[in-house]
Amino acid sequence: MVRELNLNDAVRLKKPHPCGGYEWEIVRVGADIGIRCLSCARRVLLSRSELERRLKAVQPADV
């Protein structure tokens, strides 16, 4: 099942980033998804399938 992912959505991943943060913000949407750690501001580029496998929850952005 493909999830609807939009810019500025907050996502929670199953495993923590090495800085200890679980919360990320989506900064790029396409075939690859760019996410930014909300704890340390590190940016990571993941394939859509990889991100969907690692996702635990999606918090939609306030419009």
PDB file of N, CA and C in Angstrom:
ATOM      1  N   MET A   1       0.841  -1.185   0.000  1.00  0.00           N
ATOM      2  CA  MET A   1       0.000   0.000   0.000  1.00  0.00           C
ATOM      3  C   MET A   1       0.886   1.250   0.000  1.00  0.00           C
ATOM      4  N   VAL A   2       0.609   2.184  -0.891  1.00  0.00           N
ATOM      5  CA  VAL A   2       1.390   3.406  -0.998  1.00  0.00           C
ATOM      6  C   VAL A   2       0.760   4.473  -0.116  1.00  0.00           C
ATOM      7  N   ARG A   3       1.567   5.066   0.760  1.00  0.00           N
ATOM      8  CA  ARG A   3       1.079   6.125   1.639  1.00  0.00           C
ATOM      9  C   ARG A   3       1.180   7.475   0.950  1.00  0.00           C
ATOM     10  N   GLU A   4       0.282   8.367   1.298  1.00  0.00           N
ATOM     11  CA  GLU A   4       0.305   9.732   0.794  1.00  0.00           C
ATOM     12  C   GLU A   4       1.301  10.532   1.630  1.00  0.00           C
ATOM     13  N   LEU A   5       2.384  10.978   1.001  1.00  0.00           N
ATOM     14  CA  LEU A   5       3.407  11.763   1.688  1.00  0.00           C
ATOM     15  C   LEU A   5       3.507  13.126   1.025  1.00  0.00           C
ATOM     16  N   ASN A   6       3.493  14.179   1.818  1.00  0.00           N
ATOM     17  CA  ASN A   6       3.547  15.545   1.303  1.00  0.00           C
ATOM     18  C   ASN A   6       4.681  16.299   1.973  1.00  0.00           C
ATOM     19  N   LEU A   7       5.082  17.407   1.341  1.00  0.00           N
ATOM     20  CA  LEU A   7       6.111  18.257   1.924  1.00  0.00           C
ATOM     21  C   LEU A   7       5.692  18.735   3.309  1.00  0.00           C
ATOM     22  N   ASN A   8       6.662  18.853   4.196  1.00  0.00           N
ATOM     23  CA  ASN A   8       6.505  19.353   5.568  1.00  0.00           C
ATOM     24  C   ASN A   8       5.725  18.429   6.493  1.00  0.00           C
ATOM     25  N   ASP A   9       5.356  17.225   6.037  1.00  0.00           N
ATOM     26  CA  ASP A   9       4.759  16.249   6.954  1.00  0.00           C
ATOM     27  C   ASP A   9       5.830  15.796   7.937  1.00  0.00           C
ATOM     28  N   ALA A  10       5.440  15.569   9.171  1.00  0.00           N
ATOM     29  CA  ALA A  10       6.356  15.014  10.166  1.00  0.00           C
ATOM     30  C   ALA A  10       6.161  13.501  10.168  1.00  0.00           C
ATOM     31  N   VAL A  11       7.264  12.764  10.126  1.00  0.00           N
ATOM     32  CA  VAL A  11       7.189  11.304  10.148  1.00  0.00           C
ATOM     33  C   VAL A  11       8.008  10.770  11.315  1.00  0.00           C
ATOM     34  N   ARG A  12       7.570   9.647  11.850  1.00  0.00           N
ATOM     35  CA  ARG A  12       8.291   8.965  12.926  1.00  0.00           C
ATOM     36  C   ARG A  12       8.770   7.636  12.366  1.00  0.00           C
ATOM     37  N   LEU A  13      10.073   7.377  12.508  1.00  0.00           N
ATOM     38  CA  LEU A  13      10.656   6.135  12.009  1.00  0.00           C
ATOM     39  C   LEU A  13      10.755   5.109  13.135  1.00  0.00           C
ATOM     40  N   LYS A  14      10.892   3.841  12.750  1.00  0.00           N
ATOM     41  CA  LYS A  14      10.950   2.754  13.727  1.00  0.00           C
ATOM     42  C   LYS A  14      12.224   2.784  14.565  1.00  0.00           C
ATOM     43  N   LYS A  15      13.345   3.115  13.941  1.00  0.00           N
ATOM     44  CA  LYS A  15      14.628   3.142  14.650  1.00  0.00           C
ATOM     45  C   LYS A  15      15.113   4.577  14.777  1.00  0.00           C
ATOM     46  N   PRO A  16      15.831   4.889  15.856  1.00  0.00           N
ATOM     47  CA  PRO A  16      16.308   6.270  16.030  1.00  0.00           C
ATOM     48  C   PRO A  16      17.511   6.588  15.141  1.00  0.00           C
ATOM     49  N   HIS A  17      17.670   7.861  14.852  1.00  0.00           N
ATOM     50  CA  HIS A  17      18.851   8.391  14.180  1.00  0.00           C
ATOM     51  C   HIS A  17      19.993   8.322  15.210  1.00  0.00           C
ATOM     52  N   PRO A  18      21.244   8.262  14.822  1.00  0.00           N
ATOM     53  CA  PRO A  18      22.339   8.209  15.798  1.00  0.00           C
ATOM     54  C   PRO A  18      22.330   9.353  16.815  1.00  0.00           C
ATOM     55  N   CYS A  19      21.701  10.488  16.474  1.00  0.00           N
ATOM     56  CA  CYS A  19      21.614  11.600  17.432  1.00  0.00           C
ATOM     57  C   CYS A  19      20.561  11.323  18.501  1.00  0.00           C
ATOM     58  N   GLY A  20      19.719  10.306  18.302  1.00  0.00           N
ATOM     59  CA  GLY A  20      18.699   9.951  19.279  1.00  0.00           C
ATOM     60  C   GLY A  20      17.289  10.347  18.878  1.00  0.00           C
ATOM     61  N   GLY A  21      17.127  11.066  17.763  1.00  0.00           N
ATOM     62  CA  GLY A  21      15.810  11.538  17.348  1.00  0.00           C
ATOM     63  C   GLY A  21      15.056  10.529  16.492  1.00  0.00           C
ATOM     64  N   TYR A  22      13.749  10.460  16.706  1.00  0.00           N
ATOM     65  CA  TYR A  22      12.870   9.610  15.905  1.00  0.00           C
ATOM     66  C   TYR A  22      12.069  10.429  14.895  1.00  0.00           C
ATOM     67  N   GLU A  23      11.934  11.732  15.119  1.00  0.00           N
ATOM     68  CA  GLU A  23      11.075  12.597  14.322  1.00  0.00           C
ATOM     69  C   GLU A  23      11.834  13.213  13.147  1.00  0.00           C
ATOM     70  N   TRP A  24      11.214  13.177  11.970  1.00  0.00           N
ATOM     71  CA  TRP A  24      11.796  13.712  10.742  1.00  0.00           C
ATOM     72  C   TRP A  24      10.751  14.544  10.016  1.00  0.00           C
ATOM     73  N   GLU A  25      11.204  15.472   9.162  1.00  0.00           N
ATOM     74  CA  GLU A  25      10.322  16.287   8.341  1.00  0.00           C
ATOM     75  C   GLU A  25      10.625  15.988   6.873  1.00  0.00           C
ATOM     76  N   ILE A  26       9.587  15.833   6.063  1.00  0.00           N
ATOM     77  CA  ILE A  26       9.775  15.573   4.639  1.00  0.00           C
ATOM     78  C   ILE A  26      10.104  16.887   3.943  1.00  0.00           C
ATOM     79  N   VAL A  27      11.250  16.929   3.241  1.00  0.00           N
ATOM     80  CA  VAL A  27      11.688  18.148   2.568  1.00  0.00           C
ATOM     81  C   VAL A  27      11.754  17.986   1.042  1.00  0.00           C
ATOM     82  N   ARG A  28      11.594  16.769   0.535  1.00  0.00           N
ATOM     83  CA  ARG A  28      11.617  16.523  -0.904  1.00  0.00           C
ATOM     84  C   ARG A  28      10.738  15.321  -1.194  1.00  0.00           C
ATOM     85  N   VAL A  29       9.895  15.429  -2.227  1.00  0.00           N
ATOM     86  CA  VAL A  29       9.013  14.330  -2.606  1.00  0.00           C
ATOM     87  C   VAL A  29       9.211  14.040  -4.085  1.00  0.00           C
ATOM     88  N   GLY A  30       9.336  12.779  -4.412  1.00  0.00           N
ATOM     89  CA  GLY A  30       9.516  12.329  -5.790  1.00  0.00           C
ATOM     90  C   GLY A  30       9.732  10.833  -5.750  1.00  0.00           C
ATOM     91  N   ALA A  31      10.532  10.308  -6.685  1.00  0.00           N
ATOM     92  CA  ALA A  31      10.879   8.892  -6.638  1.00  0.00           C
ATOM     93  C   ALA A  31      11.682   8.616  -5.371  1.00  0.00           C
ATOM     94  N   ASP A  32      12.517   9.588  -4.987  1.00  0.00           N
ATOM     95  CA  ASP A  32      13.240   9.534  -3.719  1.00  0.00           C
ATOM     96  C   ASP A  32      12.610  10.548  -2.774  1.00  0.00           C
ATOM     97  N   ILE A  33      12.666  10.262  -1.485  1.00  0.00           N
ATOM     98  CA  ILE A  33      12.101  11.153  -0.477  1.00  0.00           C
ATOM     99  C   ILE A  33      13.243  11.725   0.353  1.00  0.00           C
ATOM    100  N   GLY A  34      13.288  13.039   0.468  1.00  0.00           N
ATOM    101  CA  GLY A  34      14.281  13.704   1.304  1.00  0.00           C
ATOM    102  C   GLY A  34      13.673  13.996   2.661  1.00  0.00           C
ATOM    103  N   ILE A  35      14.369  13.622   3.735  1.00  0.00           N
ATOM    104  CA  ILE A  35      13.884  13.887   5.086  1.00  0.00           C
ATOM    105  C   ILE A  35      14.967  14.600   5.890  1.00  0.00           C
ATOM    106  N   ARG A  36      14.525  15.409   6.865  1.00  0.00           N
ATOM    107  CA  ARG A  36      15.441  16.176   7.721  1.00  0.00           C
ATOM    108  C   ARG A  36      15.140  15.824   9.166  1.00  0.00           C
ATOM    109  N   CYS A  37      16.173  15.436   9.910  1.00  0.00           N
ATOM    110  CA  CYS A  37      16.026  15.096  11.323  1.00  0.00           C
ATOM    111  C   CYS A  37      15.659  16.361  12.095  1.00  0.00           C
ATOM    112  N   LEU A  38      14.639  16.277  12.937  1.00  0.00           N
ATOM    113  CA  LEU A  38      14.211  17.441  13.702  1.00  0.00           C
ATOM    114  C   LEU A  38      15.077  17.668  14.939  1.00  0.00           C
ATOM    115  N   SER A  39      15.949  16.725  15.273  1.00  0.00           N
ATOM    116  CA  SER A  39      16.851  16.899  16.418  1.00  0.00           C
ATOM    117  C   SER A  39      18.159  17.576  16.021  1.00  0.00           C
ATOM    118  N   CYS A  40      18.767  17.100  14.924  1.00  0.00           N
ATOM    119  CA  CYS A  40      20.093  17.607  14.553  1.00  0.00           C
ATOM    120  C   CYS A  40      20.142  18.272  13.182  1.00  0.00           C
ATOM    121  N   ALA A  41      19.033  18.294  12.452  1.00  0.00           N
ATOM    122  CA  ALA A  41      18.899  18.916  11.137  1.00  0.00           C
ATOM    123  C   ALA A  41      19.674  18.212  10.023  1.00  0.00           C
ATOM    124  N   ARG A  42      20.113  16.989  10.232  1.00  0.00           N
ATOM    125  CA  ARG A  42      20.790  16.205   9.191  1.00  0.00           C
ATOM    126  C   ARG A  42      19.768  15.833   8.124  1.00  0.00           C
ATOM    127  N   ARG A  43      20.164  15.932   6.846  1.00  0.00           N
ATOM    128  CA  ARG A  43      19.278  15.584   5.738  1.00  0.00           C
ATOM    129  C   ARG A  43      19.693  14.246   5.147  1.00  0.00           C
ATOM    130  N   VAL A  44      18.699  13.410   4.821  1.00  0.00           N
ATOM    131  CA  VAL A  44      18.934  12.079   4.275  1.00  0.00           C
ATOM    132  C   VAL A  44      18.000  11.885   3.089  1.00  0.00           C
ATOM    133  N   LEU A  45      18.468  11.199   2.056  1.00  0.00           N
ATOM    134  CA  LEU A  45      17.666  10.889   0.881  1.00  0.00           C
ATOM    135  C   LEU A  45      17.450   9.383   0.846  1.00  0.00           C
ATOM    136  N   LEU A  46      16.185   8.959   0.856  1.00  0.00           N
ATOM    137  CA  LEU A  46      15.832   7.538   0.830  1.00  0.00           C
ATOM    138  C   LEU A  46      14.903   7.268  -0.340  1.00  0.00           C
ATOM    139  N   SER A  47      14.966   6.049  -0.868  1.00  0.00           N
ATOM    140  CA  SER A  47      13.990   5.674  -1.893  1.00  0.00           C
ATOM    141  C   SER A  47      12.622   5.581  -1.218  1.00  0.00           C
ATOM    142  N   ARG A  48      11.573   5.746  -1.999  1.00  0.00           N
ATOM    143  CA  ARG A  48      10.212   5.710  -1.449  1.00  0.00           C
ATOM    144  C   ARG A  48       9.930   4.373  -0.761  1.00  0.00           C
ATOM    145  N   SER A  49      10.358   3.263  -1.379  1.00  0.00           N
ATOM    146  CA  SER A  49      10.107   1.944  -0.794  1.00  0.00           C
ATOM    147  C   SER A  49      10.858   1.772   0.526  1.00  0.00           C
ATOM    148  N   GLU A  50      12.085   2.282   0.608  1.00  0.00           N
ATOM    149  CA  GLU A  50      12.875   2.192   1.843  1.00  0.00           C
ATOM    150  C   GLU A  50      12.209   2.993   2.962  1.00  0.00           C
ATOM    151  N   LEU A  51      11.745   4.196   2.650  1.00  0.00           N
ATOM    152  CA  LEU A  51      11.094   5.021   3.664  1.00  0.00           C
ATOM    153  C   LEU A  51       9.799   4.375   4.142  1.00  0.00           C
ATOM    154  N   GLU A  52       9.003   3.825   3.235  1.00  0.00           N
ATOM    155  CA  GLU A  52       7.749   3.185   3.632  1.00  0.00           C
ATOM    156  C   GLU A  52       7.991   1.985   4.531  1.00  0.00           C
ATOM    157  N   ARG A  53       9.097   1.290   4.325  1.00  0.00           N
ATOM    158  CA  ARG A  53       9.447   0.147   5.175  1.00  0.00           C
ATOM    159  C   ARG A  53       9.832   0.608   6.582  1.00  0.00           C
ATOM    160  N   ARG A  54      10.492   1.777   6.683  1.00  0.00           N
ATOM    161  CA  ARG A  54      10.972   2.279   7.968  1.00  0.00           C
ATOM    162  C   ARG A  54       9.942   3.113   8.734  1.00  0.00           C
ATOM    163  N   LEU A  55       8.848   3.522   8.075  1.00  0.00           N
ATOM    164  CA  LEU A  55       7.864   4.405   8.692  1.00  0.00           C
ATOM    165  C   LEU A  55       7.088   3.737   9.809  1.00  0.00           C
ATOM    166  N   LYS A  56       6.837   4.504  10.857  1.00  0.00           N
ATOM    167  CA  LYS A  56       5.975   4.059  11.937  1.00  0.00           C
ATOM    168  C   LYS A  56       4.695   4.877  11.955  1.00  0.00           C
ATOM    169  N   ALA A  57       4.802   6.218  11.773  1.00  0.00           N
ATOM    170  CA  ALA A  57       3.631   7.086  11.792  1.00  0.00           C
ATOM    171  C   ALA A  57       3.889   8.326  10.945  1.00  0.00           C
ATOM    172  N   VAL A  58       2.786   8.921  10.441  1.00  0.00           N
ATOM    173  CA  VAL A  58       2.852  10.164   9.674  1.00  0.00           C
ATOM    174  C   VAL A  58       1.950  11.178  10.328  1.00  0.00           C
ATOM    175  N   GLN A  59       2.486  12.360  10.600  1.00  0.00           N
ATOM    176  CA  GLN A  59       1.718  13.477  11.153  1.00  0.00           C
ATOM    177  C   GLN A  59       1.590  14.519  10.054  1.00  0.00           C
ATOM    178  N   PRO A  60       0.391  14.714   9.462  1.00  0.00           N
ATOM    179  CA  PRO A  60       0.248  15.671   8.368  1.00  0.00           C
ATOM    180  C   PRO A  60       0.634  17.090   8.791  1.00  0.00           C
ATOM    181  N   ALA A  61       1.164  17.848   7.840  1.00  0.00           N
ATOM    182  CA  ALA A  61       1.564  19.240   8.106  1.00  0.00           C
ATOM    183  C   ALA A  61       0.313  20.099   8.256  1.00  0.00           C
ATOM    184  N   ASP A  62       0.404  21.131   9.082  1.00  0.00           N
ATOM    185  CA  ASP A  62      -0.687  22.090   9.208  1.00  0.00           C
ATOM    186  C   ASP A  62      -0.710  22.967   7.981  1.00  0.00           C
ATOM    187  N   VAL A  63      -1.852  23.084   7.363  1.00  0.00           N
ATOM    188  CA  VAL A  63      -1.958  23.869   6.127  1.00  0.00           C
ATOM    189  C   VAL A  63      -2.391  25.275   6.438  1.00  0.00           C
TER     190      VAL A  63
END
